[in-house]
N, C-alpha and C. Protein backbone atom coordinates (compact mmCIF):
# COMPACT_ATOMS: atom_id res chain seq x y z
N MET A 1 -30.51 -19.85 10.57
CA MET A 1 -29.91 -19.80 9.26
C MET A 1 -29.25 -21.16 8.98
N SER A 2 -29.54 -21.70 7.82
CA SER A 2 -29.02 -23.03 7.48
C SER A 2 -27.58 -22.92 7.04
N ILE A 3 -26.93 -24.06 6.94
CA ILE A 3 -25.53 -24.08 6.55
C ILE A 3 -25.40 -23.57 5.13
N ASN A 4 -26.30 -23.88 4.25
CA ASN A 4 -26.20 -23.40 2.86
C ASN A 4 -26.33 -21.85 2.83
N GLU A 5 -27.18 -21.28 3.63
CA GLU A 5 -27.32 -19.82 3.66
C GLU A 5 -26.05 -19.20 4.23
N LYS A 6 -25.47 -19.83 5.25
CA LYS A 6 -24.22 -19.28 5.82
C LYS A 6 -23.09 -19.40 4.78
N ALA A 7 -23.03 -20.51 4.08
CA ALA A 7 -22.01 -20.68 3.06
C ALA A 7 -22.17 -19.63 1.91
N GLU A 8 -23.45 -19.39 1.55
CA GLU A 8 -23.72 -18.39 0.49
C GLU A 8 -23.33 -16.98 0.95
N THR A 9 -23.67 -16.64 2.18
CA THR A 9 -23.32 -15.32 2.71
C THR A 9 -21.82 -15.16 2.81
N ALA A 10 -21.12 -16.19 3.27
CA ALA A 10 -19.67 -16.15 3.33
C ALA A 10 -19.03 -15.99 1.95
N PHE A 11 -19.60 -16.71 0.98
CA PHE A 11 -19.09 -16.63 -0.42
C PHE A 11 -19.28 -15.25 -0.99
N VAL A 12 -20.45 -14.64 -0.73
CA VAL A 12 -20.69 -13.28 -1.25
C VAL A 12 -19.76 -12.30 -0.58
N ASP A 13 -19.52 -12.47 0.72
CA ASP A 13 -18.56 -11.59 1.43
C ASP A 13 -17.18 -11.71 0.83
N ALA A 14 -16.76 -12.96 0.52
CA ALA A 14 -15.47 -13.15 -0.06
C ALA A 14 -15.35 -12.51 -1.41
N LEU A 15 -16.39 -12.61 -2.22
CA LEU A 15 -16.34 -11.99 -3.52
C LEU A 15 -16.32 -10.46 -3.44
N GLU A 16 -17.03 -9.93 -2.49
CA GLU A 16 -17.00 -8.48 -2.30
C GLU A 16 -15.63 -8.02 -1.90
N ASN A 17 -14.96 -8.79 -0.99
CA ASN A 17 -13.63 -8.43 -0.58
C ASN A 17 -12.64 -8.55 -1.74
N VAL A 18 -12.81 -9.55 -2.57
CA VAL A 18 -11.91 -9.67 -3.76
C VAL A 18 -12.15 -8.49 -4.69
N GLU A 19 -13.40 -8.07 -4.83
CA GLU A 19 -13.69 -6.94 -5.71
C GLU A 19 -12.97 -5.67 -5.18
N GLU A 20 -12.98 -5.47 -3.84
CA GLU A 20 -12.30 -4.32 -3.26
C GLU A 20 -10.82 -4.43 -3.52
N VAL A 21 -10.23 -5.60 -3.37
CA VAL A 21 -8.81 -5.81 -3.57
C VAL A 21 -8.42 -5.48 -5.04
N ILE A 22 -9.25 -5.87 -5.98
CA ILE A 22 -8.98 -5.56 -7.34
C ILE A 22 -9.04 -4.10 -7.62
N ALA A 23 -9.97 -3.38 -6.99
CA ALA A 23 -10.11 -1.95 -7.19
C ALA A 23 -8.90 -1.20 -6.64
N VAL A 24 -8.45 -1.60 -5.44
CA VAL A 24 -7.28 -0.94 -4.81
C VAL A 24 -6.05 -1.27 -5.59
N ARG A 25 -5.90 -2.52 -6.08
CA ARG A 25 -4.77 -2.87 -6.89
C ARG A 25 -4.69 -2.01 -8.15
N GLU A 26 -5.82 -1.77 -8.76
CA GLU A 26 -5.84 -0.93 -9.96
C GLU A 26 -5.38 0.50 -9.65
N LYS A 27 -5.87 1.02 -8.52
CA LYS A 27 -5.41 2.36 -8.11
C LYS A 27 -3.92 2.40 -7.86
N LEU A 28 -3.44 1.36 -7.15
CA LEU A 28 -2.04 1.26 -6.78
C LEU A 28 -1.16 1.14 -8.03
N THR A 29 -1.57 0.31 -8.92
CA THR A 29 -0.82 0.13 -10.19
C THR A 29 -0.75 1.44 -10.96
N LYS A 30 -1.87 2.15 -11.02
CA LYS A 30 -1.90 3.41 -11.78
C LYS A 30 -0.95 4.43 -11.09
N GLN A 31 -0.94 4.45 -9.78
CA GLN A 31 -0.14 5.39 -9.03
C GLN A 31 1.37 5.07 -9.19
N LEU A 32 1.69 3.79 -9.13
CA LEU A 32 3.10 3.38 -9.27
C LEU A 32 3.59 3.63 -10.68
N LYS A 33 2.72 3.34 -11.70
CA LYS A 33 3.11 3.59 -13.09
C LYS A 33 3.44 5.09 -13.29
N LYS A 34 2.56 5.89 -12.70
CA LYS A 34 2.75 7.36 -12.79
C LYS A 34 4.06 7.74 -12.15
N GLY A 35 4.38 7.20 -11.00
CA GLY A 35 5.64 7.53 -10.26
C GLY A 35 6.84 7.09 -11.09
N PHE A 36 6.80 5.86 -11.63
CA PHE A 36 7.95 5.39 -12.40
C PHE A 36 8.12 6.15 -13.69
N PHE A 37 7.05 6.58 -14.29
CA PHE A 37 7.13 7.39 -15.53
C PHE A 37 7.76 8.74 -15.23
N GLU A 38 7.32 9.34 -14.13
CA GLU A 38 7.89 10.65 -13.73
C GLU A 38 9.33 10.50 -13.31
N LEU A 39 9.71 9.37 -12.71
CA LEU A 39 11.11 9.13 -12.38
C LEU A 39 11.93 8.97 -13.64
N SER A 40 11.41 8.33 -14.67
CA SER A 40 12.15 8.22 -15.91
C SER A 40 12.28 9.57 -16.59
N GLN A 41 11.27 10.40 -16.49
CA GLN A 41 11.35 11.75 -17.03
C GLN A 41 12.44 12.56 -16.32
N ALA A 42 12.51 12.36 -14.98
CA ALA A 42 13.52 13.07 -14.20
C ALA A 42 14.91 12.59 -14.60
N ARG A 43 15.08 11.30 -14.82
CA ARG A 43 16.40 10.78 -15.24
C ARG A 43 16.78 11.34 -16.59
N TYR A 44 15.80 11.48 -17.46
CA TYR A 44 16.06 12.02 -18.78
C TYR A 44 16.46 13.53 -18.68
N SER A 45 15.74 14.29 -17.86
CA SER A 45 15.97 15.70 -17.82
C SER A 45 17.25 16.04 -17.01
N MET A 46 17.52 15.27 -15.96
CA MET A 46 18.71 15.55 -15.09
C MET A 46 19.96 14.77 -15.52
N GLY A 47 19.77 13.79 -16.35
CA GLY A 47 20.85 12.89 -16.71
C GLY A 47 20.79 11.64 -15.87
N SER A 48 21.03 10.54 -16.48
CA SER A 48 20.85 9.23 -15.73
C SER A 48 21.90 9.11 -14.63
N GLY A 49 23.04 9.75 -14.74
CA GLY A 49 24.04 9.66 -13.67
C GLY A 49 23.67 10.49 -12.48
N ASN A 50 22.78 11.41 -12.61
CA ASN A 50 22.42 12.33 -11.51
C ASN A 50 21.22 11.81 -10.71
N VAL A 51 20.52 10.80 -11.22
CA VAL A 51 19.42 10.25 -10.46
C VAL A 51 19.62 8.70 -10.46
N GLY A 52 20.04 8.20 -9.35
CA GLY A 52 20.31 6.81 -9.20
C GLY A 52 20.75 6.43 -7.81
N GLU A 53 21.10 5.18 -7.63
CA GLU A 53 21.47 4.65 -6.32
C GLU A 53 22.78 5.26 -5.80
N LEU A 54 23.62 5.73 -6.71
CA LEU A 54 24.91 6.34 -6.24
C LEU A 54 24.69 7.64 -5.51
N LYS A 55 23.53 8.25 -5.61
CA LYS A 55 23.29 9.49 -4.89
C LYS A 55 22.67 9.27 -3.50
N TYR A 56 22.34 7.99 -3.18
CA TYR A 56 21.75 7.70 -1.88
C TYR A 56 22.82 7.80 -0.80
N LYS A 57 22.42 8.32 0.35
CA LYS A 57 23.34 8.31 1.50
C LYS A 57 23.55 6.90 2.00
N PRO A 58 24.69 6.50 2.42
CA PRO A 58 24.91 5.15 2.89
C PRO A 58 24.19 4.82 4.19
N ASP A 59 23.92 5.83 5.02
CA ASP A 59 23.28 5.62 6.28
C ASP A 59 21.77 5.98 6.21
N THR A 60 21.20 5.74 5.11
CA THR A 60 19.76 6.06 4.88
C THR A 60 18.87 5.13 5.71
N GLU A 61 17.91 5.78 6.38
CA GLU A 61 16.88 5.03 7.14
C GLU A 61 15.54 5.36 6.55
N PRO A 62 14.62 4.43 6.63
CA PRO A 62 13.28 4.69 6.05
C PRO A 62 12.55 5.78 6.84
N THR A 63 11.81 6.55 6.08
CA THR A 63 10.97 7.59 6.70
C THR A 63 9.52 7.11 6.87
N THR A 64 9.20 6.00 6.25
CA THR A 64 7.83 5.49 6.30
C THR A 64 7.88 3.97 6.49
N GLY A 65 6.91 3.44 7.19
CA GLY A 65 6.80 2.02 7.43
C GLY A 65 5.36 1.67 7.66
N ILE A 66 5.12 0.36 7.73
CA ILE A 66 3.77 -0.15 8.06
C ILE A 66 3.84 -0.88 9.34
N ASN A 67 3.03 -0.42 10.30
CA ASN A 67 2.95 -1.02 11.62
C ASN A 67 1.91 -2.13 11.55
N ILE A 68 2.35 -3.35 11.89
CA ILE A 68 1.46 -4.51 11.82
C ILE A 68 1.09 -4.82 13.29
N ASP A 69 -0.19 -4.66 13.58
CA ASP A 69 -0.66 -4.93 14.95
C ASP A 69 -1.89 -5.83 14.86
N SER A 70 -1.75 -7.12 15.06
CA SER A 70 -2.84 -8.12 15.02
C SER A 70 -3.78 -7.87 13.83
N GLU A 71 -3.21 -8.03 12.67
CA GLU A 71 -3.95 -7.97 11.37
C GLU A 71 -4.47 -6.53 11.03
N GLU A 72 -4.00 -5.55 11.74
CA GLU A 72 -4.27 -4.20 11.41
C GLU A 72 -2.99 -3.57 10.86
N PHE A 73 -3.07 -2.95 9.71
CA PHE A 73 -1.93 -2.36 9.05
C PHE A 73 -2.05 -0.88 9.06
N GLU A 74 -1.16 -0.19 9.72
CA GLU A 74 -1.22 1.25 9.85
C GLU A 74 0.04 1.85 9.26
N LEU A 75 -0.04 2.87 8.51
CA LEU A 75 1.07 3.58 7.92
C LEU A 75 1.70 4.47 8.92
N CYS A 76 3.00 4.34 9.18
CA CYS A 76 3.74 5.18 10.13
C CYS A 76 4.78 6.02 9.35
N CYS A 77 4.76 7.31 9.59
CA CYS A 77 5.68 8.21 8.87
C CYS A 77 6.42 9.02 9.90
N VAL A 78 7.69 9.27 9.57
CA VAL A 78 8.53 10.19 10.34
C VAL A 78 7.98 11.61 10.06
N GLU A 79 7.78 12.38 11.10
CA GLU A 79 7.23 13.72 10.94
C GLU A 79 8.21 14.55 10.09
N GLY A 80 7.65 15.20 9.09
CA GLY A 80 8.44 15.98 8.18
C GLY A 80 8.81 15.30 6.88
N SER A 81 8.57 13.97 6.81
CA SER A 81 8.89 13.23 5.63
C SER A 81 7.88 13.54 4.52
N PRO A 82 8.19 13.28 3.26
CA PRO A 82 7.23 13.52 2.18
C PRO A 82 5.93 12.76 2.34
N ALA A 83 6.05 11.52 2.85
CA ALA A 83 4.85 10.70 3.04
C ALA A 83 3.96 11.30 4.14
N PHE A 84 4.61 11.82 5.19
CA PHE A 84 3.81 12.49 6.29
C PHE A 84 3.06 13.68 5.73
N LYS A 85 3.76 14.45 4.85
CA LYS A 85 3.11 15.61 4.25
C LYS A 85 1.92 15.20 3.36
N ALA A 86 2.08 14.07 2.67
CA ALA A 86 1.06 13.63 1.75
C ALA A 86 -0.21 13.17 2.62
N LEU A 87 0.02 12.53 3.76
CA LEU A 87 -1.05 12.07 4.61
C LEU A 87 -1.64 13.17 5.44
N ASN A 88 -0.84 14.19 5.80
CA ASN A 88 -1.30 15.31 6.63
C ASN A 88 -0.99 16.65 5.95
N PRO A 89 -1.77 16.97 4.90
CA PRO A 89 -1.40 18.15 4.13
C PRO A 89 -1.54 19.48 4.86
N HIS A 90 -2.37 19.48 5.91
CA HIS A 90 -2.61 20.76 6.62
C HIS A 90 -1.73 20.96 7.85
N SER A 91 -0.81 19.95 8.09
CA SER A 91 0.03 20.11 9.27
C SER A 91 1.18 21.14 9.00
N GLN A 92 1.53 21.84 10.02
CA GLN A 92 2.64 22.82 9.89
C GLN A 92 3.84 22.23 10.55
N ILE A 93 4.85 21.87 9.76
CA ILE A 93 6.06 21.28 10.23
C ILE A 93 7.17 22.36 10.19
N LYS A 94 8.00 22.42 11.24
CA LYS A 94 9.10 23.43 11.24
C LYS A 94 10.10 23.05 10.14
N GLN A 95 10.74 24.04 9.63
CA GLN A 95 11.74 23.87 8.55
C GLN A 95 12.85 22.93 8.93
N GLU A 96 13.27 22.86 10.21
CA GLU A 96 14.37 22.04 10.65
C GLU A 96 14.02 20.56 10.48
N ASN A 97 12.79 20.18 10.58
CA ASN A 97 12.42 18.78 10.42
C ASN A 97 12.41 18.33 8.96
N GLN A 98 12.45 19.24 8.08
CA GLN A 98 12.40 18.92 6.62
C GLN A 98 13.81 18.62 6.06
N GLN A 99 14.83 18.70 6.86
CA GLN A 99 16.18 18.47 6.38
C GLN A 99 16.38 17.04 5.87
N GLY A 100 15.56 16.15 6.27
CA GLY A 100 15.71 14.76 5.84
C GLY A 100 15.06 14.47 4.50
N ASP A 101 14.65 15.44 3.76
CA ASP A 101 14.00 15.25 2.52
C ASP A 101 14.96 14.61 1.49
N PRO A 102 14.69 13.41 1.02
CA PRO A 102 15.61 12.74 0.12
C PRO A 102 15.91 13.46 -1.18
N LEU A 103 15.01 14.36 -1.55
CA LEU A 103 15.28 15.09 -2.83
C LEU A 103 16.55 15.97 -2.71
N GLN A 104 16.91 16.37 -1.51
CA GLN A 104 18.10 17.18 -1.32
C GLN A 104 19.37 16.42 -1.66
N TRP A 105 19.32 15.09 -1.65
CA TRP A 105 20.50 14.33 -2.06
C TRP A 105 20.89 14.56 -3.54
N PHE A 106 19.92 14.95 -4.35
CA PHE A 106 20.14 15.12 -5.75
C PHE A 106 20.42 16.60 -6.13
N GLY A 107 20.66 17.43 -5.14
CA GLY A 107 21.02 18.84 -5.38
C GLY A 107 19.90 19.75 -4.95
N GLY A 108 20.22 21.05 -5.01
CA GLY A 108 19.24 22.06 -4.60
C GLY A 108 18.14 22.25 -5.64
N MET A 109 18.52 22.21 -6.86
CA MET A 109 17.57 22.41 -7.98
C MET A 109 17.23 21.13 -8.68
N VAL A 110 16.33 20.35 -8.13
CA VAL A 110 15.96 19.07 -8.75
C VAL A 110 14.85 19.28 -9.75
N SER A 111 14.71 18.32 -10.59
CA SER A 111 13.70 18.36 -11.65
C SER A 111 12.30 18.31 -10.99
N PRO A 112 11.36 19.07 -11.58
CA PRO A 112 9.99 18.96 -11.04
C PRO A 112 9.41 17.54 -11.24
N TYR A 113 9.95 16.85 -12.21
CA TYR A 113 9.48 15.45 -12.41
C TYR A 113 9.91 14.57 -11.23
N LEU A 114 11.07 14.90 -10.64
CA LEU A 114 11.55 14.13 -9.49
C LEU A 114 10.64 14.41 -8.27
N ARG A 115 10.25 15.64 -8.12
CA ARG A 115 9.34 16.00 -7.06
C ARG A 115 7.95 15.31 -7.22
N SER A 116 7.47 15.34 -8.43
CA SER A 116 6.16 14.70 -8.64
C SER A 116 6.24 13.23 -8.55
N ALA A 117 7.39 12.61 -8.90
CA ALA A 117 7.56 11.18 -8.69
C ALA A 117 7.54 10.82 -7.21
N GLN A 118 8.24 11.67 -6.42
CA GLN A 118 8.17 11.47 -4.95
C GLN A 118 6.78 11.56 -4.41
N ALA A 119 6.03 12.53 -4.86
CA ALA A 119 4.66 12.68 -4.45
C ALA A 119 3.80 11.49 -4.84
N SER A 120 4.00 11.00 -6.06
CA SER A 120 3.22 9.82 -6.53
C SER A 120 3.50 8.57 -5.66
N PHE A 121 4.77 8.36 -5.34
CA PHE A 121 5.11 7.21 -4.56
C PHE A 121 4.60 7.37 -3.11
N SER A 122 4.63 8.58 -2.63
CA SER A 122 4.08 8.88 -1.23
C SER A 122 2.57 8.66 -1.23
N GLU A 123 1.86 8.98 -2.27
CA GLU A 123 0.47 8.73 -2.36
C GLU A 123 0.10 7.26 -2.49
N ALA A 124 1.05 6.46 -2.97
CA ALA A 124 0.82 5.07 -3.14
C ALA A 124 0.96 4.31 -1.82
N LEU A 125 1.66 4.84 -0.87
CA LEU A 125 1.89 4.13 0.43
C LEU A 125 0.58 3.79 1.18
N PRO A 126 -0.37 4.73 1.28
CA PRO A 126 -1.58 4.32 1.97
C PRO A 126 -2.39 3.23 1.24
N LEU A 127 -2.23 3.22 -0.08
CA LEU A 127 -2.89 2.18 -0.86
C LEU A 127 -2.26 0.77 -0.55
N ILE A 128 -0.99 0.76 -0.33
CA ILE A 128 -0.32 -0.50 0.04
C ILE A 128 -0.82 -1.01 1.38
N ALA A 129 -0.96 -0.12 2.37
CA ALA A 129 -1.51 -0.52 3.70
C ALA A 129 -2.92 -1.00 3.54
N GLU A 130 -3.69 -0.34 2.73
CA GLU A 130 -5.11 -0.70 2.54
C GLU A 130 -5.17 -2.04 1.85
N LEU A 131 -4.32 -2.31 0.87
CA LEU A 131 -4.30 -3.56 0.19
C LEU A 131 -3.92 -4.71 1.14
N ALA A 132 -3.06 -4.46 2.06
CA ALA A 132 -2.66 -5.48 3.01
C ALA A 132 -3.90 -5.82 3.93
N LYS A 133 -4.61 -4.79 4.38
CA LYS A 133 -5.82 -5.03 5.18
C LYS A 133 -6.84 -5.83 4.40
N LEU A 134 -7.08 -5.46 3.16
CA LEU A 134 -8.08 -6.16 2.35
C LEU A 134 -7.65 -7.59 2.09
N SER A 135 -6.36 -7.85 1.88
CA SER A 135 -5.91 -9.20 1.65
C SER A 135 -6.12 -10.10 2.86
N VAL A 136 -6.00 -9.52 4.05
CA VAL A 136 -6.32 -10.31 5.30
C VAL A 136 -7.80 -10.60 5.29
N ASN A 137 -8.64 -9.62 4.93
CA ASN A 137 -10.07 -9.83 4.92
C ASN A 137 -10.47 -10.92 3.93
N VAL A 138 -9.77 -10.97 2.74
CA VAL A 138 -10.07 -12.01 1.77
C VAL A 138 -9.72 -13.39 2.35
N ALA A 139 -8.58 -13.43 3.01
CA ALA A 139 -8.14 -14.76 3.61
C ALA A 139 -9.16 -15.22 4.65
N LYS A 140 -9.64 -14.28 5.46
CA LYS A 140 -10.62 -14.67 6.50
C LYS A 140 -11.90 -15.10 5.85
N ALA A 141 -12.35 -14.39 4.86
CA ALA A 141 -13.62 -14.77 4.18
C ALA A 141 -13.49 -16.12 3.47
N THR A 142 -12.34 -16.38 2.90
CA THR A 142 -12.08 -17.67 2.21
C THR A 142 -12.08 -18.80 3.25
N GLU A 143 -11.49 -18.56 4.41
CA GLU A 143 -11.52 -19.56 5.46
C GLU A 143 -12.95 -19.86 5.88
N LYS A 144 -13.74 -18.84 6.00
CA LYS A 144 -15.12 -18.99 6.44
C LYS A 144 -15.91 -19.83 5.41
N VAL A 145 -15.66 -19.57 4.13
CA VAL A 145 -16.31 -20.37 3.04
C VAL A 145 -15.87 -21.82 3.17
N ASP A 146 -14.56 -22.06 3.37
CA ASP A 146 -14.10 -23.43 3.53
C ASP A 146 -14.68 -24.16 4.74
N GLU A 147 -14.83 -23.44 5.83
CA GLU A 147 -15.49 -24.00 7.05
C GLU A 147 -16.92 -24.44 6.71
N CYS A 148 -17.65 -23.58 6.07
CA CYS A 148 -19.02 -23.86 5.71
C CYS A 148 -19.12 -25.07 4.75
N LYS A 149 -18.18 -25.11 3.83
CA LYS A 149 -18.21 -26.26 2.91
C LYS A 149 -17.92 -27.55 3.63
N SER A 150 -16.98 -27.53 4.58
CA SER A 150 -16.67 -28.74 5.30
C SER A 150 -17.81 -29.14 6.24
N LEU A 151 -18.50 -28.16 6.82
CA LEU A 151 -19.64 -28.48 7.66
C LEU A 151 -20.76 -29.10 6.82
N GLU A 152 -20.98 -28.51 5.61
CA GLU A 152 -22.03 -29.02 4.73
C GLU A 152 -21.66 -30.45 4.28
N LYS A 153 -20.41 -30.71 3.97
CA LYS A 153 -20.00 -31.99 3.51
C LYS A 153 -20.12 -33.01 4.67
N HIS A 154 -19.77 -32.63 5.84
CA HIS A 154 -19.90 -33.44 7.06
C HIS A 154 -21.38 -33.79 7.32
N GLN A 155 -22.24 -32.79 7.13
CA GLN A 155 -23.66 -33.01 7.37
C GLN A 155 -24.30 -33.93 6.31
N ASP A 156 -23.86 -33.81 5.04
CA ASP A 156 -24.39 -34.59 3.97
C ASP A 156 -23.85 -35.97 3.89
N ASP A 157 -22.71 -36.25 4.56
CA ASP A 157 -22.05 -37.56 4.47
C ASP A 157 -22.87 -38.58 5.29
N PRO A 158 -23.44 -39.60 4.68
CA PRO A 158 -24.27 -40.56 5.43
C PRO A 158 -23.41 -41.45 6.38
N ALA A 159 -22.16 -41.64 6.07
CA ALA A 159 -21.33 -42.50 6.91
C ALA A 159 -21.09 -41.88 8.32
N THR A 160 -21.09 -40.51 8.39
CA THR A 160 -20.89 -39.86 9.64
C THR A 160 -22.14 -39.68 10.42
N ALA A 161 -23.29 -39.87 9.77
CA ALA A 161 -24.58 -39.64 10.46
C ALA A 161 -24.98 -40.81 11.35
């Protein structure tokens, strides 16, 4: 395979990766817009003073994170968290593990909009991890294209021959 063919293949791979990034970003944007709209509906229905940062517990710890292991991005959830339920809908979690549900901070009878906002944001988390993976793939493909271009330039340069 010639250097030009390698460069062309690398360029096509880079474009395909960029296309995937764009598609995942569109899904993520749609999901986040939906979540923020539902959150604003919840603030309207429950009152803006009842949904906000003042209701957060001061010792709050995240229930979801992204594990980065040598360019692999994996979503990690605390068992019983809303994100864990979104990722594992068929799992049976004991009631005692669900006490950490952040919706309980806002009272026993929260707006259904607040519940659906939580679900929308939980569904967006895997898209964020996927977007991180794809971004790494784009960077690798771009590096490959640059390497091929430099090899081609080096080969075509008569001063180095």
